[in-house]
Amino acid sequence: MAERVIVITGASDGIGAAAARLLRGQGASVVIVGRSPEKTQKLAREIGAPHYLADFAKLEDVRTLATQLQAELPRIDVLINNAGGVMGARQLTVDGNELTTQVNYLAPFLLTNLLLDTLIASKASVIATSSLASRGAGTLDLGDLTLEHGYTAQRAYGRAKLMDILFTKELHARHHAAGLSAAAFQPGVVRTSFYSEFGGSFSFVYTSFIKHLLRSPAKGAETMVWLATAKPDQDWTSGEYYKDKKISKGTNQARDATLAHDLWEVASRTVGLPGS
């Protein structure tokens, strides 16, 4: 693993930080990306890894991050799109997108697309952190990505995590033939600061009552680490959604190839990809 370059977003805390420690301990060349300067720099010093700062609520930060990674990394063997969060009241970002959708889905979508040349040349794996919440997404309305109608923090998060699964499937469909592999996974419900940091009505219940019943970050990171170190097309199947290292069926929407294609096209226009 000494030569394997693994970029992890959302790596300053929770399962991202746990995976960074585990992968670094196995000899991988880990590159961490975080939003908090203090947390990100602390972990970088702890494990001896380079780090980058980016706030996914700003797509300009994502573009800057992609430029930095392309300039400074000759290749990327694994990109782990782990950054995300459950937000409180509905907010729009400076880019005009609903905050939960942008941080959890649109920003990773943009980052992956901006890095595509490097990822394909590296025969990379792209791994997305999804969630059980994807089952509660309701009907995905591609005409209302800003969630003007029927917003709740949990529904917005569930929709974004469903989009991550669909992105994985479409990324596989478009680029697996060129050597790129993709998988999404859900880590279970993990004992981290995830909900309490971003607020929302669930954060009080999470912090006060059920946090002690949940998985540790290291346990939640196990499937992520497995996908990053095992061999696609041998040990795991590209384009699939995993739970505890096994393919998870997911919802009917999560398996809808037409929806995955259409979502890609809408997202491309939303983030301003060339040719969209």
Protein backbone atom coordinates (compact mmCIF):
# COMPACT_ATOMS: atom_id res chain seq x y z
CA MET A 1 0.00 0.00 0.00
CA ALA A 2 3.04 2.31 0.26
CA GLU A 3 2.48 3.86 -3.16
CA ARG A 4 -1.33 4.08 -3.05
CA VAL A 5 -2.61 7.69 -3.00
CA ILE A 6 -5.98 8.03 -1.25
CA VAL A 7 -7.77 11.38 -1.02
CA ILE A 8 -10.47 11.59 1.67
CA THR A 9 -12.85 14.54 1.95
CA GLY A 10 -14.61 15.21 5.24
CA ALA A 11 -11.56 13.66 6.87
CA SER A 12 -11.16 15.90 9.91
CA ASP A 13 -13.68 14.04 12.09
CA GLY A 14 -15.91 10.97 12.34
CA ILE A 15 -15.53 8.05 9.95
CA GLY A 16 -13.37 10.12 7.59
CA ALA A 17 -10.76 10.65 10.30
CA ALA A 18 -11.04 7.03 11.43
CA ALA A 19 -10.48 5.81 7.86
CA ALA A 20 -7.53 8.18 7.42
CA ARG A 21 -5.87 6.74 10.53
CA LEU A 22 -6.53 3.14 9.48
CA LEU A 23 -5.34 3.64 5.90
CA ARG A 24 -2.26 5.56 6.98
CA GLY A 25 -1.49 2.75 9.42
CA GLN A 26 -1.59 0.31 6.49
CA GLY A 27 1.00 2.37 4.64
CA ALA A 28 -1.20 4.29 2.23
CA SER A 29 -0.30 7.80 1.15
CA VAL A 30 -3.36 9.54 2.60
CA VAL A 31 -4.36 13.07 1.61
CA ILE A 32 -6.98 14.63 3.87
CA VAL A 33 -9.46 17.37 3.04
CA GLY A 34 -11.49 19.15 5.69
CA ARG A 35 -13.55 22.24 6.40
CA SER A 36 -12.23 23.05 9.88
CA PRO A 37 -8.63 24.37 9.86
CA GLU A 38 -8.04 23.31 13.47
CA LYS A 39 -9.37 19.75 13.16
CA THR A 40 -7.85 19.14 9.74
CA GLN A 41 -4.40 20.41 10.69
CA LYS A 42 -4.47 18.44 13.96
CA LEU A 43 -5.20 15.15 12.17
CA ALA A 44 -2.64 15.92 9.47
CA ARG A 45 0.05 16.35 12.13
CA GLU A 46 -1.09 13.22 13.97
CA ILE A 47 -0.83 10.86 10.99
CA GLY A 48 1.81 12.72 8.98
CA ALA A 49 -0.34 13.46 5.95
CA PRO A 50 -0.72 16.44 3.62
CA HIS A 51 -3.96 18.34 3.99
CA TYR A 52 -6.18 20.77 2.11
CA LEU A 53 -8.97 23.03 3.33
CA ALA A 54 -12.24 23.42 1.47
CA ASP A 55 -15.74 24.47 2.45
CA PHE A 56 -18.16 22.54 0.25
CA ALA A 57 -20.81 25.21 0.84
CA LYS A 58 -18.78 27.23 -1.69
CA LEU A 59 -18.27 25.69 -5.13
CA GLU A 60 -15.35 28.04 -5.72
CA ASP A 61 -13.56 26.23 -2.86
CA VAL A 62 -14.21 22.96 -4.68
CA ARG A 63 -12.74 24.32 -7.91
CA THR A 64 -9.68 25.60 -6.06
CA LEU A 65 -9.26 22.24 -4.32
CA ALA A 66 -9.43 20.38 -7.65
CA THR A 67 -6.79 22.68 -9.15
CA GLN A 68 -4.50 22.13 -6.15
CA LEU A 69 -4.90 18.35 -6.22
CA GLN A 70 -4.25 18.16 -9.96
CA ALA A 71 -1.16 20.31 -9.62
CA GLU A 72 0.34 18.52 -6.64
CA LEU A 73 -0.70 14.87 -7.04
CA PRO A 74 0.64 13.01 -10.08
CA ARG A 75 -2.09 10.43 -9.59
CA ILE A 76 -5.03 9.58 -7.32
CA ASP A 77 -5.71 5.90 -6.75
CA VAL A 78 -8.79 6.39 -4.59
CA LEU A 79 -11.07 9.40 -4.12
CA ILE A 80 -13.36 9.04 -1.10
CA ASN A 81 -16.21 11.54 -1.24
CA ASN A 82 -17.09 11.51 2.45
CA ALA A 83 -17.80 15.18 3.26
CA GLY A 84 -21.38 15.88 4.26
CA GLY A 85 -23.76 16.92 6.97
CA VAL A 86 -27.29 17.22 8.24
CA MET A 87 -28.32 20.87 8.28
CA GLY A 88 -31.06 22.66 10.18
CA ALA A 89 -33.38 25.19 8.59
CA ARG A 90 -33.38 25.49 4.81
CA GLN A 91 -30.55 27.68 3.55
CA LEU A 92 -29.22 28.62 0.13
CA THR A 93 -25.49 28.71 -0.53
CA VAL A 94 -23.66 31.56 -2.22
CA ASP A 95 -24.07 29.47 -5.40
CA GLY A 96 -27.87 29.50 -5.06
CA ASN A 97 -28.19 25.82 -4.15
CA GLU A 98 -29.88 24.27 -1.13
CA LEU A 99 -27.10 23.78 1.42
CA THR A 100 -27.62 20.08 2.23
CA THR A 101 -27.79 19.14 -1.45
CA GLN A 102 -24.66 21.10 -2.30
CA VAL A 103 -22.46 19.89 0.56
CA ASN A 104 -23.47 16.23 0.33
CA TYR A 105 -23.94 15.84 -3.42
CA LEU A 106 -23.26 18.73 -5.78
CA ALA A 107 -19.81 19.59 -4.39
CA PRO A 108 -18.53 15.96 -4.53
CA PHE A 109 -20.08 15.63 -7.99
CA LEU A 110 -18.18 18.71 -9.16
CA LEU A 111 -14.91 17.66 -7.51
CA THR A 112 -15.03 14.20 -9.10
CA ASN A 113 -15.75 15.62 -12.55
CA LEU A 114 -12.97 18.20 -12.29
CA LEU A 115 -10.54 15.41 -11.35
CA LEU A 116 -11.77 12.96 -14.01
CA ASP A 117 -8.67 13.10 -16.21
CA THR A 118 -6.42 12.29 -13.27
CA LEU A 119 -8.78 9.63 -11.93
CA ILE A 120 -9.13 7.84 -15.27
CA ALA A 121 -5.39 7.98 -15.93
CA SER A 122 -4.86 6.47 -12.45
CA LYS A 123 -7.48 3.72 -12.97
CA ALA A 124 -8.91 5.04 -9.72
CA SER A 125 -11.77 4.02 -7.47
CA VAL A 126 -14.29 6.66 -6.42
CA ILE A 127 -16.11 5.89 -3.17
CA ALA A 128 -19.16 7.77 -1.90
CA THR A 129 -20.44 7.76 1.67
CA SER A 130 -24.20 7.35 1.58
CA SER A 131 -26.62 6.66 4.44
CA LEU A 132 -29.62 4.67 5.59
CA ALA A 133 -31.40 8.02 5.29
CA SER A 134 -31.50 7.51 1.52
CA ARG A 135 -34.47 5.20 2.09
CA GLY A 136 -36.50 8.14 3.42
CA ALA A 137 -35.81 10.45 0.49
CA GLY A 138 -39.34 10.31 -0.91
CA THR A 139 -39.79 10.90 -4.63
CA LEU A 140 -36.78 12.66 -6.10
CA ASP A 141 -37.91 15.76 -8.02
CA LEU A 142 -35.17 16.85 -10.40
CA GLY A 143 -37.03 20.09 -11.01
CA ASP A 144 -36.71 21.10 -7.36
CA LEU A 145 -33.11 20.47 -6.30
CA THR A 146 -33.30 23.57 -4.05
CA LEU A 147 -36.15 21.96 -2.08
CA GLU A 148 -38.45 24.95 -2.18
CA HIS A 149 -41.37 22.61 -1.46
CA GLY A 150 -41.68 20.26 1.51
CA TYR A 151 -38.28 20.94 3.10
CA THR A 152 -37.20 19.17 6.25
CA ALA A 153 -33.59 18.66 7.29
CA GLN A 154 -33.97 14.88 7.30
CA ARG A 155 -35.70 14.77 3.90
CA ALA A 156 -33.02 17.00 2.38
CA TYR A 157 -30.28 14.75 3.75
CA GLY A 158 -32.03 11.58 2.59
CA ARG A 159 -32.43 12.99 -0.92
CA ALA A 160 -28.77 14.01 -1.08
CA LYS A 161 -27.64 10.55 -0.02
CA LEU A 162 -29.91 8.95 -2.61
CA MET A 163 -28.26 11.23 -5.17
CA ASP A 164 -24.84 9.93 -4.07
CA ILE A 165 -25.94 6.36 -4.87
CA LEU A 166 -27.30 7.43 -8.25
CA PHE A 167 -24.10 9.35 -8.99
CA THR A 168 -22.09 6.22 -8.25
CA LYS A 169 -24.16 4.18 -10.68
CA GLU A 170 -23.93 6.77 -13.45
CA LEU A 171 -20.20 7.33 -12.88
CA HIS A 172 -19.76 3.59 -13.38
CA ALA A 173 -21.96 3.60 -16.49
CA ARG A 174 -20.06 6.46 -18.10
CA HIS A 175 -16.46 5.71 -17.16
CA HIS A 176 -15.92 2.12 -16.03
CA ALA A 177 -14.96 1.08 -19.54
CA ALA A 178 -12.08 3.59 -19.30
CA GLY A 179 -10.84 1.98 -16.10
CA LEU A 180 -12.65 3.98 -13.41
CA SER A 181 -14.48 2.09 -10.66
CA ALA A 182 -17.14 3.44 -8.30
CA ALA A 183 -19.00 2.29 -5.22
CA ALA A 184 -21.28 3.82 -2.61
CA PHE A 185 -21.66 2.51 0.92
CA GLN A 186 -23.59 3.22 4.07
CA PRO A 187 -21.64 3.05 7.35
CA GLY A 188 -24.61 2.45 9.64
CA VAL A 189 -25.54 5.00 12.27
CA VAL A 190 -22.25 6.15 13.76
CA ARG A 191 -21.37 7.77 17.09
CA THR A 192 -19.82 11.07 15.94
CA SER A 193 -20.42 14.83 16.21
CA PHE A 194 -22.10 14.66 12.79
CA TYR A 195 -25.65 15.64 13.79
CA SER A 196 -24.82 17.88 16.71
CA GLU A 197 -22.39 19.99 14.67
CA PHE A 198 -24.90 20.91 11.99
CA GLY A 199 -27.99 21.27 14.15
CA GLY A 200 -31.56 20.50 13.24
CA SER A 201 -34.33 18.97 15.31
CA PHE A 202 -32.69 15.55 15.37
CA SER A 203 -29.45 16.78 16.93
CA PHE A 204 -30.92 17.07 20.44
CA VAL A 205 -32.36 13.55 20.34
CA TYR A 206 -29.12 12.18 18.89
CA THR A 207 -26.88 13.90 21.44
CA SER A 208 -29.07 13.29 24.47
CA PHE A 209 -30.53 9.83 24.05
CA ILE A 210 -29.14 7.48 21.41
CA LYS A 211 -25.52 8.48 20.77
CA HIS A 212 -24.18 5.88 23.21
CA LEU A 213 -26.02 3.08 21.35
CA LEU A 214 -24.37 3.65 17.99
CA ARG A 215 -21.35 2.35 16.07
CA SER A 216 -17.89 3.72 16.71
CA PRO A 217 -16.31 5.77 13.90
CA ALA A 218 -13.77 2.98 13.33
CA LYS A 219 -16.57 0.43 12.93
CA GLY A 220 -18.45 2.76 10.59
CA ALA A 221 -15.30 3.22 8.49
CA GLU A 222 -14.69 -0.50 7.93
CA THR A 223 -16.50 -0.77 4.59
CA MET A 224 -14.91 2.47 3.39
CA VAL A 225 -11.44 1.13 4.16
CA TRP A 226 -12.26 -2.22 2.55
CA LEU A 227 -13.45 -0.56 -0.67
CA ALA A 228 -10.32 1.62 -0.72
CA THR A 229 -7.92 -1.31 -0.32
CA ALA A 230 -9.65 -4.26 -2.02
CA LYS A 231 -9.60 -4.73 -5.79
CA PRO A 232 -12.59 -3.60 -7.86
CA ASP A 233 -13.97 -6.24 -10.24
CA GLN A 234 -12.31 -8.89 -8.07
CA ASP A 235 -13.28 -8.18 -4.46
CA TRP A 236 -16.16 -5.76 -5.08
CA THR A 237 -18.42 -4.85 -7.98
CA SER A 238 -18.22 -1.38 -9.50
CA GLY A 239 -21.45 0.62 -9.61
CA GLU A 240 -22.96 -1.03 -6.55
CA TYR A 241 -24.11 0.17 -3.12
CA TYR A 242 -22.64 -1.62 -0.09
CA LYS A 243 -23.51 -2.24 3.53
CA ASP A 244 -21.06 -4.11 5.76
CA LYS A 245 -19.00 -5.19 2.72
CA LYS A 246 -22.03 -6.72 1.00
CA ILE A 247 -24.14 -5.37 -1.85
CA SER A 248 -27.28 -3.68 -0.56
CA LYS A 249 -30.41 -3.71 -2.70
CA GLY A 250 -31.40 -0.12 -1.91
CA THR A 251 -34.68 1.44 -3.04
CA ASN A 252 -36.32 1.30 -6.46
CA GLN A 253 -35.17 4.89 -7.11
CA ALA A 254 -31.59 3.99 -6.20
CA ARG A 255 -31.64 1.36 -8.96
CA ASP A 256 -33.25 3.59 -11.61
CA ALA A 257 -30.72 3.98 -14.45
CA THR A 258 -32.80 6.64 -16.23
CA LEU A 259 -33.05 8.70 -13.06
CA ALA A 260 -29.29 8.36 -12.53
CA HIS A 261 -28.62 9.61 -16.07
CA ASP A 262 -31.06 12.51 -15.79
CA LEU A 263 -29.70 13.54 -12.39
CA TRP A 264 -26.18 13.69 -13.85
CA GLU A 265 -27.37 16.02 -16.60
CA VAL A 266 -29.21 18.30 -14.15
CA ALA A 267 -26.25 18.37 -11.76
CA SER A 268 -23.85 19.17 -14.61
CA ARG A 269 -25.90 22.22 -15.54
CA THR A 270 -26.31 23.24 -11.91
CA VAL A 271 -22.57 23.30 -11.15
CA GLY A 272 -21.65 24.72 -14.56
CA LEU A 273 -19.59 21.91 -16.02
CA PRO A 274 -18.29 22.66 -19.52
CA GLY A 275 -20.57 21.36 -22.24
CA SER A 276 -23.53 20.87 -19.92
